[in-house]
PDB file of all heavy atoms in Angstrom:
ATOM      1  N   ALA A   1      16.335  21.117   5.138  1.00  0.00           N
ATOM      2  CA  ALA A   1      16.535  19.684   5.321  1.00  0.00           C
ATOM      3  C   ALA A   1      15.199  18.904   5.205  1.00  0.00           C
ATOM      4  O   ALA A   1      15.120  17.885   4.576  1.00  0.00           O
ATOM      5  CB  ALA A   1      17.142  19.441   6.727  1.00  0.00           C
ATOM      6  N   LEU A   2      14.128  19.475   5.764  1.00  0.00           N
ATOM      7  CA  LEU A   2      12.829  18.852   5.655  1.00  0.00           C
ATOM      8  C   LEU A   2      12.334  18.952   4.185  1.00  0.00           C
ATOM      9  O   LEU A   2      11.726  17.976   3.705  1.00  0.00           O
ATOM     10  CB  LEU A   2      11.827  19.648   6.577  1.00  0.00           C
ATOM     11  CG  LEU A   2      12.005  19.390   8.056  1.00  0.00           C
ATOM     12  CD1 LEU A   2      11.041  20.314   8.838  1.00  0.00           C
ATOM     13  CD2 LEU A   2      11.795  17.996   8.458  1.00  0.00           C
ATOM     14  N   TYR A   3      12.629  20.039   3.484  1.00  0.00           N
ATOM     15  CA  TYR A   3      12.190  20.154   2.134  1.00  0.00           C
ATOM     16  C   TYR A   3      12.867  19.176   1.235  1.00  0.00           C
ATOM     17  O   TYR A   3      12.288  18.665   0.292  1.00  0.00           O
ATOM     18  CB  TYR A   3      12.466  21.597   1.616  1.00  0.00           C
ATOM     19  CG  TYR A   3      12.089  21.691   0.182  1.00  0.00           C
ATOM     20  CD1 TYR A   3      10.761  21.669  -0.247  1.00  0.00           C
ATOM     21  CD2 TYR A   3      13.060  21.724  -0.817  1.00  0.00           C
ATOM     22  CE1 TYR A   3      10.415  21.707  -1.607  1.00  0.00           C
ATOM     23  CE2 TYR A   3      12.734  21.758  -2.186  1.00  0.00           C
ATOM     24  CZ  TYR A   3      11.386  21.764  -2.552  1.00  0.00           C
ATOM     25  OH  TYR A   3      11.059  21.753  -3.901  1.00  0.00           O
ATOM     26  N   ILE A   4      14.183  18.877   1.485  1.00  0.00           N
ATOM     27  CA  ILE A   4      14.857  17.941   0.689  1.00  0.00           C
ATOM     28  C   ILE A   4      14.206  16.582   0.698  1.00  0.00           C
ATOM     29  O   ILE A   4      14.037  15.896  -0.317  1.00  0.00           O
ATOM     30  CB  ILE A   4      16.330  17.784   1.147  1.00  0.00           C
ATOM     31  CG1 ILE A   4      17.097  19.076   0.781  1.00  0.00           C
ATOM     32  CG2 ILE A   4      17.056  16.591   0.476  1.00  0.00           C
ATOM     33  CD1 ILE A   4      18.530  19.153   1.376  1.00  0.00           C
ATOM     34  N   VAL A   5      13.775  16.159   1.911  1.00  0.00           N
ATOM     35  CA  VAL A   5      13.017  14.888   2.069  1.00  0.00           C
ATOM     36  C   VAL A   5      11.707  14.936   1.269  1.00  0.00           C
ATOM     37  O   VAL A   5      11.388  14.039   0.559  1.00  0.00           O
ATOM     38  CB  VAL A   5      12.773  14.618   3.574  1.00  0.00           C
ATOM     39  CG1 VAL A   5      11.919  13.375   3.747  1.00  0.00           C
ATOM     40  CG2 VAL A   5      14.077  14.511   4.360  1.00  0.00           C
ATOM     41  N   TRP A   6      10.996  16.077   1.455  1.00  0.00           N
ATOM     42  CA  TRP A   6       9.773  16.205   0.677  1.00  0.00           C
ATOM     43  C   TRP A   6       9.965  16.161  -0.820  1.00  0.00           C
ATOM     44  O   TRP A   6       9.241  15.505  -1.595  1.00  0.00           O
ATOM     45  CB  TRP A   6       9.073  17.502   1.068  1.00  0.00           C
ATOM     46  CG  TRP A   6       8.062  17.982   0.066  1.00  0.00           C
ATOM     47  CD1 TRP A   6       8.167  18.920  -0.923  1.00  0.00           C
ATOM     48  CD2 TRP A   6       6.667  17.508  -0.033  1.00  0.00           C
ATOM     49  NE1 TRP A   6       7.053  19.032  -1.634  1.00  0.00           N
ATOM     50  CE2 TRP A   6       6.124  18.179  -1.124  1.00  0.00           C
ATOM     51  CE3 TRP A   6       5.971  16.585   0.680  1.00  0.00           C
ATOM     52  CZ2 TRP A   6       4.787  17.978  -1.518  1.00  0.00           C
ATOM     53  CZ3 TRP A   6       4.620  16.374   0.290  1.00  0.00           C
ATOM     54  CH2 TRP A   6       4.094  17.034  -0.801  1.00  0.00           C
ATOM     55  N   HIS A   7      10.994  16.864  -1.288  1.00  0.00           N
ATOM     56  CA  HIS A   7      11.238  16.977  -2.715  1.00  0.00           C
ATOM     57  C   HIS A   7      11.569  15.587  -3.314  1.00  0.00           C
ATOM     58  O   HIS A   7      11.141  15.232  -4.380  1.00  0.00           O
ATOM     59  CB  HIS A   7      12.454  17.878  -2.964  1.00  0.00           C
ATOM     60  CG  HIS A   7      12.767  18.193  -4.396  1.00  0.00           C
ATOM     61  ND1 HIS A   7      11.865  18.842  -5.189  1.00  0.00           N
ATOM     62  CD2 HIS A   7      13.865  17.915  -5.195  1.00  0.00           C
ATOM     63  CE1 HIS A   7      12.351  18.932  -6.419  1.00  0.00           C
ATOM     64  NE2 HIS A   7      13.578  18.418  -6.424  1.00  0.00           N
ATOM     65  N   ILE A   8      12.328  14.752  -2.594  1.00  0.00           N
ATOM     66  CA  ILE A   8      12.625  13.400  -3.036  1.00  0.00           C
ATOM     67  C   ILE A   8      11.387  12.554  -3.101  1.00  0.00           C
ATOM     68  O   ILE A   8      11.138  11.841  -4.089  1.00  0.00           O
ATOM     69  CB  ILE A   8      13.700  12.748  -2.091  1.00  0.00           C
ATOM     70  CG1 ILE A   8      15.047  13.479  -2.262  1.00  0.00           C
ATOM     71  CG2 ILE A   8      13.844  11.250  -2.429  1.00  0.00           C
ATOM     72  CD1 ILE A   8      16.072  13.046  -1.224  1.00  0.00           C
ATOM     73  N   LEU A   9      10.552  12.671  -2.067  1.00  0.00           N
ATOM     74  CA  LEU A   9       9.296  11.895  -2.085  1.00  0.00           C
ATOM     75  C   LEU A   9       8.342  12.358  -3.159  1.00  0.00           C
ATOM     76  O   LEU A   9       7.567  11.586  -3.710  1.00  0.00           O
ATOM     77  CB  LEU A   9       8.602  11.990  -0.674  1.00  0.00           C
ATOM     78  CG  LEU A   9       9.348  11.348   0.478  1.00  0.00           C
ATOM     79  CD1 LEU A   9       8.635  11.713   1.792  1.00  0.00           C
ATOM     80  CD2 LEU A   9       9.478   9.879   0.297  1.00  0.00           C
ATOM     81  N   ASP A  10       8.429  13.659  -3.467  1.00  0.00           N
ATOM     82  CA  ASP A  10       7.488  14.259  -4.419  1.00  0.00           C
ATOM     83  C   ASP A  10       7.849  14.016  -5.859  1.00  0.00           C
ATOM     84  O   ASP A  10       7.073  13.440  -6.625  1.00  0.00           O
ATOM     85  CB  ASP A  10       7.442  15.768  -4.117  1.00  0.00           C
ATOM     86  CG  ASP A  10       6.342  16.439  -4.942  1.00  0.00           C
ATOM     87  OD1 ASP A  10       5.324  15.811  -5.305  1.00  0.00           O
ATOM     88  OD2 ASP A  10       6.532  17.672  -5.239  1.00  0.00           O
ATOM     89  N   LEU A  11       9.075  14.370  -6.269  1.00  0.00           N
ATOM     90  CA  LEU A  11       9.408  14.355  -7.660  1.00  0.00           C
ATOM     91  C   LEU A  11      10.434  13.282  -8.066  1.00  0.00           C
ATOM     92  O   LEU A  11      10.694  13.063  -9.228  1.00  0.00           O
ATOM     93  CB  LEU A  11       9.963  15.727  -8.101  1.00  0.00           C
ATOM     94  CG  LEU A  11       8.893  16.804  -8.218  1.00  0.00           C
ATOM     95  CD1 LEU A  11       9.494  18.144  -8.485  1.00  0.00           C
ATOM     96  CD2 LEU A  11       7.790  16.461  -9.253  1.00  0.00           C
ATOM     97  N   THR A  12      11.070  12.622  -7.087  1.00  0.00           N
ATOM     98  CA  THR A  12      12.001  11.578  -7.415  1.00  0.00           C
ATOM     99  C   THR A  12      11.329  10.195  -7.200  1.00  0.00           C
ATOM    100  O   THR A  12      11.293   9.338  -8.135  1.00  0.00           O
ATOM    101  CB  THR A  12      13.273  11.611  -6.522  1.00  0.00           C
ATOM    102  OG1 THR A  12      13.879  12.967  -6.680  1.00  0.00           O
ATOM    103  CG2 THR A  12      14.264  10.553  -6.894  1.00  0.00           C
ATOM    104  N   VAL A  13      10.843   9.946  -6.033  1.00  0.00           N
ATOM    105  CA  VAL A  13      10.107   8.680  -5.754  1.00  0.00           C
ATOM    106  C   VAL A  13       8.719   8.717  -6.221  1.00  0.00           C
ATOM    107  O   VAL A  13       8.194   7.707  -6.758  1.00  0.00           O
ATOM    108  CB  VAL A  13      10.234   8.365  -4.234  1.00  0.00           C
ATOM    109  CG1 VAL A  13       9.469   7.026  -3.927  1.00  0.00           C
ATOM    110  CG2 VAL A  13      11.642   8.331  -3.728  1.00  0.00           C
ATOM    111  N   GLY A  14       8.069   9.855  -6.059  1.00  0.00           N
ATOM    112  CA  GLY A  14       6.689  10.043  -6.564  1.00  0.00           C
ATOM    113  C   GLY A  14       5.588   9.692  -5.631  1.00  0.00           C
ATOM    114  O   GLY A  14       4.378   9.836  -5.937  1.00  0.00           O
ATOM    115  N   VAL A  15       5.891   9.311  -4.429  1.00  0.00           N
ATOM    116  CA  VAL A  15       4.794   8.882  -3.432  1.00  0.00           C
ATOM    117  C   VAL A  15       3.990  10.080  -2.960  1.00  0.00           C
ATOM    118  O   VAL A  15       2.875   9.906  -2.503  1.00  0.00           O
ATOM    119  CB  VAL A  15       5.385   8.082  -2.290  1.00  0.00           C
ATOM    120  CG1 VAL A  15       6.062   6.805  -2.753  1.00  0.00           C
ATOM    121  CG2 VAL A  15       6.397   8.957  -1.486  1.00  0.00           C
ATOM    122  N   ALA A  16       4.566  11.274  -3.018  1.00  0.00           N
ATOM    123  CA  ALA A  16       3.880  12.468  -2.562  1.00  0.00           C
ATOM    124  C   ALA A  16       3.201  13.203  -3.708  1.00  0.00           C
ATOM    125  O   ALA A  16       2.489  14.234  -3.463  1.00  0.00           O
ATOM    126  CB  ALA A  16       4.801  13.430  -1.809  1.00  0.00           C
ATOM    127  N   ASN A  17       3.323  12.741  -4.920  1.00  0.00           N
ATOM    128  CA  ASN A  17       2.752  13.359  -6.097  1.00  0.00           C
ATOM    129  C   ASN A  17       1.568  12.496  -6.525  1.00  0.00           C
ATOM    130  O   ASN A  17       1.749  11.383  -6.972  1.00  0.00           O
ATOM    131  CB  ASN A  17       3.739  13.456  -7.197  1.00  0.00           C
ATOM    132  CG  ASN A  17       3.270  14.347  -8.372  1.00  0.00           C
ATOM    133  OD1 ASN A  17       2.091  14.355  -8.681  1.00  0.00           O
ATOM    134  ND2 ASN A  17       4.195  14.993  -9.047  1.00  0.00           N
ATOM    135  N   GLN A  18       0.322  13.058  -6.404  1.00  0.00           N
ATOM    136  CA  GLN A  18      -0.877  12.272  -6.693  1.00  0.00           C
ATOM    137  C   GLN A  18      -1.027  11.854  -8.133  1.00  0.00           C
ATOM    138  O   GLN A  18      -1.755  10.915  -8.435  1.00  0.00           O
ATOM    139  CB  GLN A  18      -2.109  13.051  -6.242  1.00  0.00           C
ATOM    140  CG  GLN A  18      -2.179  13.332  -4.735  1.00  0.00           C
ATOM    141  CD  GLN A  18      -3.389  14.122  -4.327  1.00  0.00           C
ATOM    142  OE1 GLN A  18      -4.165  14.556  -5.152  1.00  0.00           O
ATOM    143  NE2 GLN A  18      -3.576  14.268  -3.017  1.00  0.00           N
ATOM    144  N   ASP A  19      -0.286  12.540  -9.043  1.00  0.00           N
ATOM    145  CA  ASP A  19      -0.416  12.211 -10.467  1.00  0.00           C
ATOM    146  C   ASP A  19       0.945  11.873 -11.047  1.00  0.00           C
ATOM    147  O   ASP A  19       1.267  12.270 -12.186  1.00  0.00           O
ATOM    148  CB  ASP A  19      -1.040  13.406 -11.198  1.00  0.00           C
ATOM    149  CG  ASP A  19      -1.550  12.985 -12.602  1.00  0.00           C
ATOM    150  OD1 ASP A  19      -1.688  11.778 -12.823  1.00  0.00           O
ATOM    151  OD2 ASP A  19      -1.759  13.879 -13.446  1.00  0.00           O
ATOM    152  N   PHE A  20       1.796  11.173 -10.253  1.00  0.00           N
ATOM    153  CA  PHE A  20       3.132  10.839 -10.707  1.00  0.00           C
ATOM    154  C   PHE A  20       3.094   9.761 -11.770  1.00  0.00           C
ATOM    155  O   PHE A  20       2.399   8.771 -11.614  1.00  0.00           O
ATOM    156  CB  PHE A  20       3.977  10.356  -9.496  1.00  0.00           C
ATOM    157  CG  PHE A  20       5.402  10.109  -9.848  1.00  0.00           C
ATOM    158  CD1 PHE A  20       6.351  11.174  -9.850  1.00  0.00           C
ATOM    159  CD2 PHE A  20       5.841   8.825 -10.108  1.00  0.00           C
ATOM    160  CE1 PHE A  20       7.668  10.909 -10.132  1.00  0.00           C
ATOM    161  CE2 PHE A  20       7.189   8.567 -10.407  1.00  0.00           C
ATOM    162  CZ  PHE A  20       8.102   9.602 -10.428  1.00  0.00           C
ATOM    163  N   ARG A  21       3.945  10.016 -12.838  1.00  0.00           N
ATOM    164  CA  ARG A  21       4.059   8.997 -13.902  1.00  0.00           C
ATOM    165  C   ARG A  21       5.545   8.758 -14.101  1.00  0.00           C
ATOM    166  O   ARG A  21       6.276   9.633 -14.453  1.00  0.00           O
ATOM    167  CB  ARG A  21       3.458   9.525 -15.193  1.00  0.00           C
ATOM    168  CG  ARG A  21       1.954   9.769 -15.131  1.00  0.00           C
ATOM    169  CD  ARG A  21       1.425  10.262 -16.454  1.00  0.00           C
ATOM    170  NE  ARG A  21       0.052  10.705 -16.388  1.00  0.00           N
ATOM    171  CZ  ARG A  21      -0.637  11.314 -17.372  1.00  0.00           C
ATOM    172  NH1 ARG A  21      -0.002  11.504 -18.568  1.00  0.00           N
ATOM    173  NH2 ARG A  21      -1.911  11.686 -17.241  1.00  0.00           N
ATOM    174  N   ALA A  22       5.948   7.508 -13.882  1.00  0.00           N
ATOM    175  CA  ALA A  22       7.366   7.148 -14.082  1.00  0.00           C
ATOM    176  C   ALA A  22       7.825   7.426 -15.449  1.00  0.00           C
ATOM    177  O   ALA A  22       7.185   7.054 -16.408  1.00  0.00           O
ATOM    178  CB  ALA A  22       7.544   5.641 -13.685  1.00  0.00           C
ATOM    179  N   GLY A  23       9.003   8.043 -15.591  1.00  0.00           N
ATOM    180  CA  GLY A  23       9.580   8.344 -16.883  1.00  0.00           C
ATOM    181  C   GLY A  23       9.002   9.552 -17.595  1.00  0.00           C
ATOM    182  O   GLY A  23       9.306   9.791 -18.776  1.00  0.00           O
ATOM    183  N   GLN A  24       8.182  10.335 -16.913  1.00  0.00           N
ATOM    184  CA  GLN A  24       7.569  11.501 -17.533  1.00  0.00           C
ATOM    185  C   GLN A  24       7.763  12.724 -16.607  1.00  0.00           C
ATOM    186  O   GLN A  24       6.808  13.248 -16.033  1.00  0.00           O
ATOM    187  CB  GLN A  24       6.086  11.350 -17.792  1.00  0.00           C
ATOM    188  CG  GLN A  24       5.795  10.202 -18.773  1.00  0.00           C
ATOM    189  CD  GLN A  24       4.290  10.085 -19.136  1.00  0.00           C
ATOM    190  OE1 GLN A  24       3.571  11.110 -19.168  1.00  0.00           O
ATOM    191  NE2 GLN A  24       3.799   8.864 -19.283  1.00  0.00           N
ATOM    192  N   PRO A  25       9.009  13.203 -16.473  1.00  0.00           N
ATOM    193  CA  PRO A  25       9.306  14.283 -15.508  1.00  0.00           C
ATOM    194  C   PRO A  25       8.607  15.623 -15.837  1.00  0.00           C
ATOM    195  O   PRO A  25       8.182  16.325 -14.936  1.00  0.00           O
ATOM    196  CB  PRO A  25      10.833  14.469 -15.604  1.00  0.00           C
ATOM    197  CG  PRO A  25      11.177  13.790 -16.926  1.00  0.00           C
ATOM    198  CD  PRO A  25      10.231  12.691 -17.111  1.00  0.00           C
TER     199      PRO A  25
END
C-alpha cells in the first residue's frame, strides 16, 4: 500500500523523481 503511493509520486506524478520529464516515460 505504501509502495503504491510512492510509485504514483515517482513515475506517474513525477514529484519523487529528481529527473522526471513529462511525456518521456
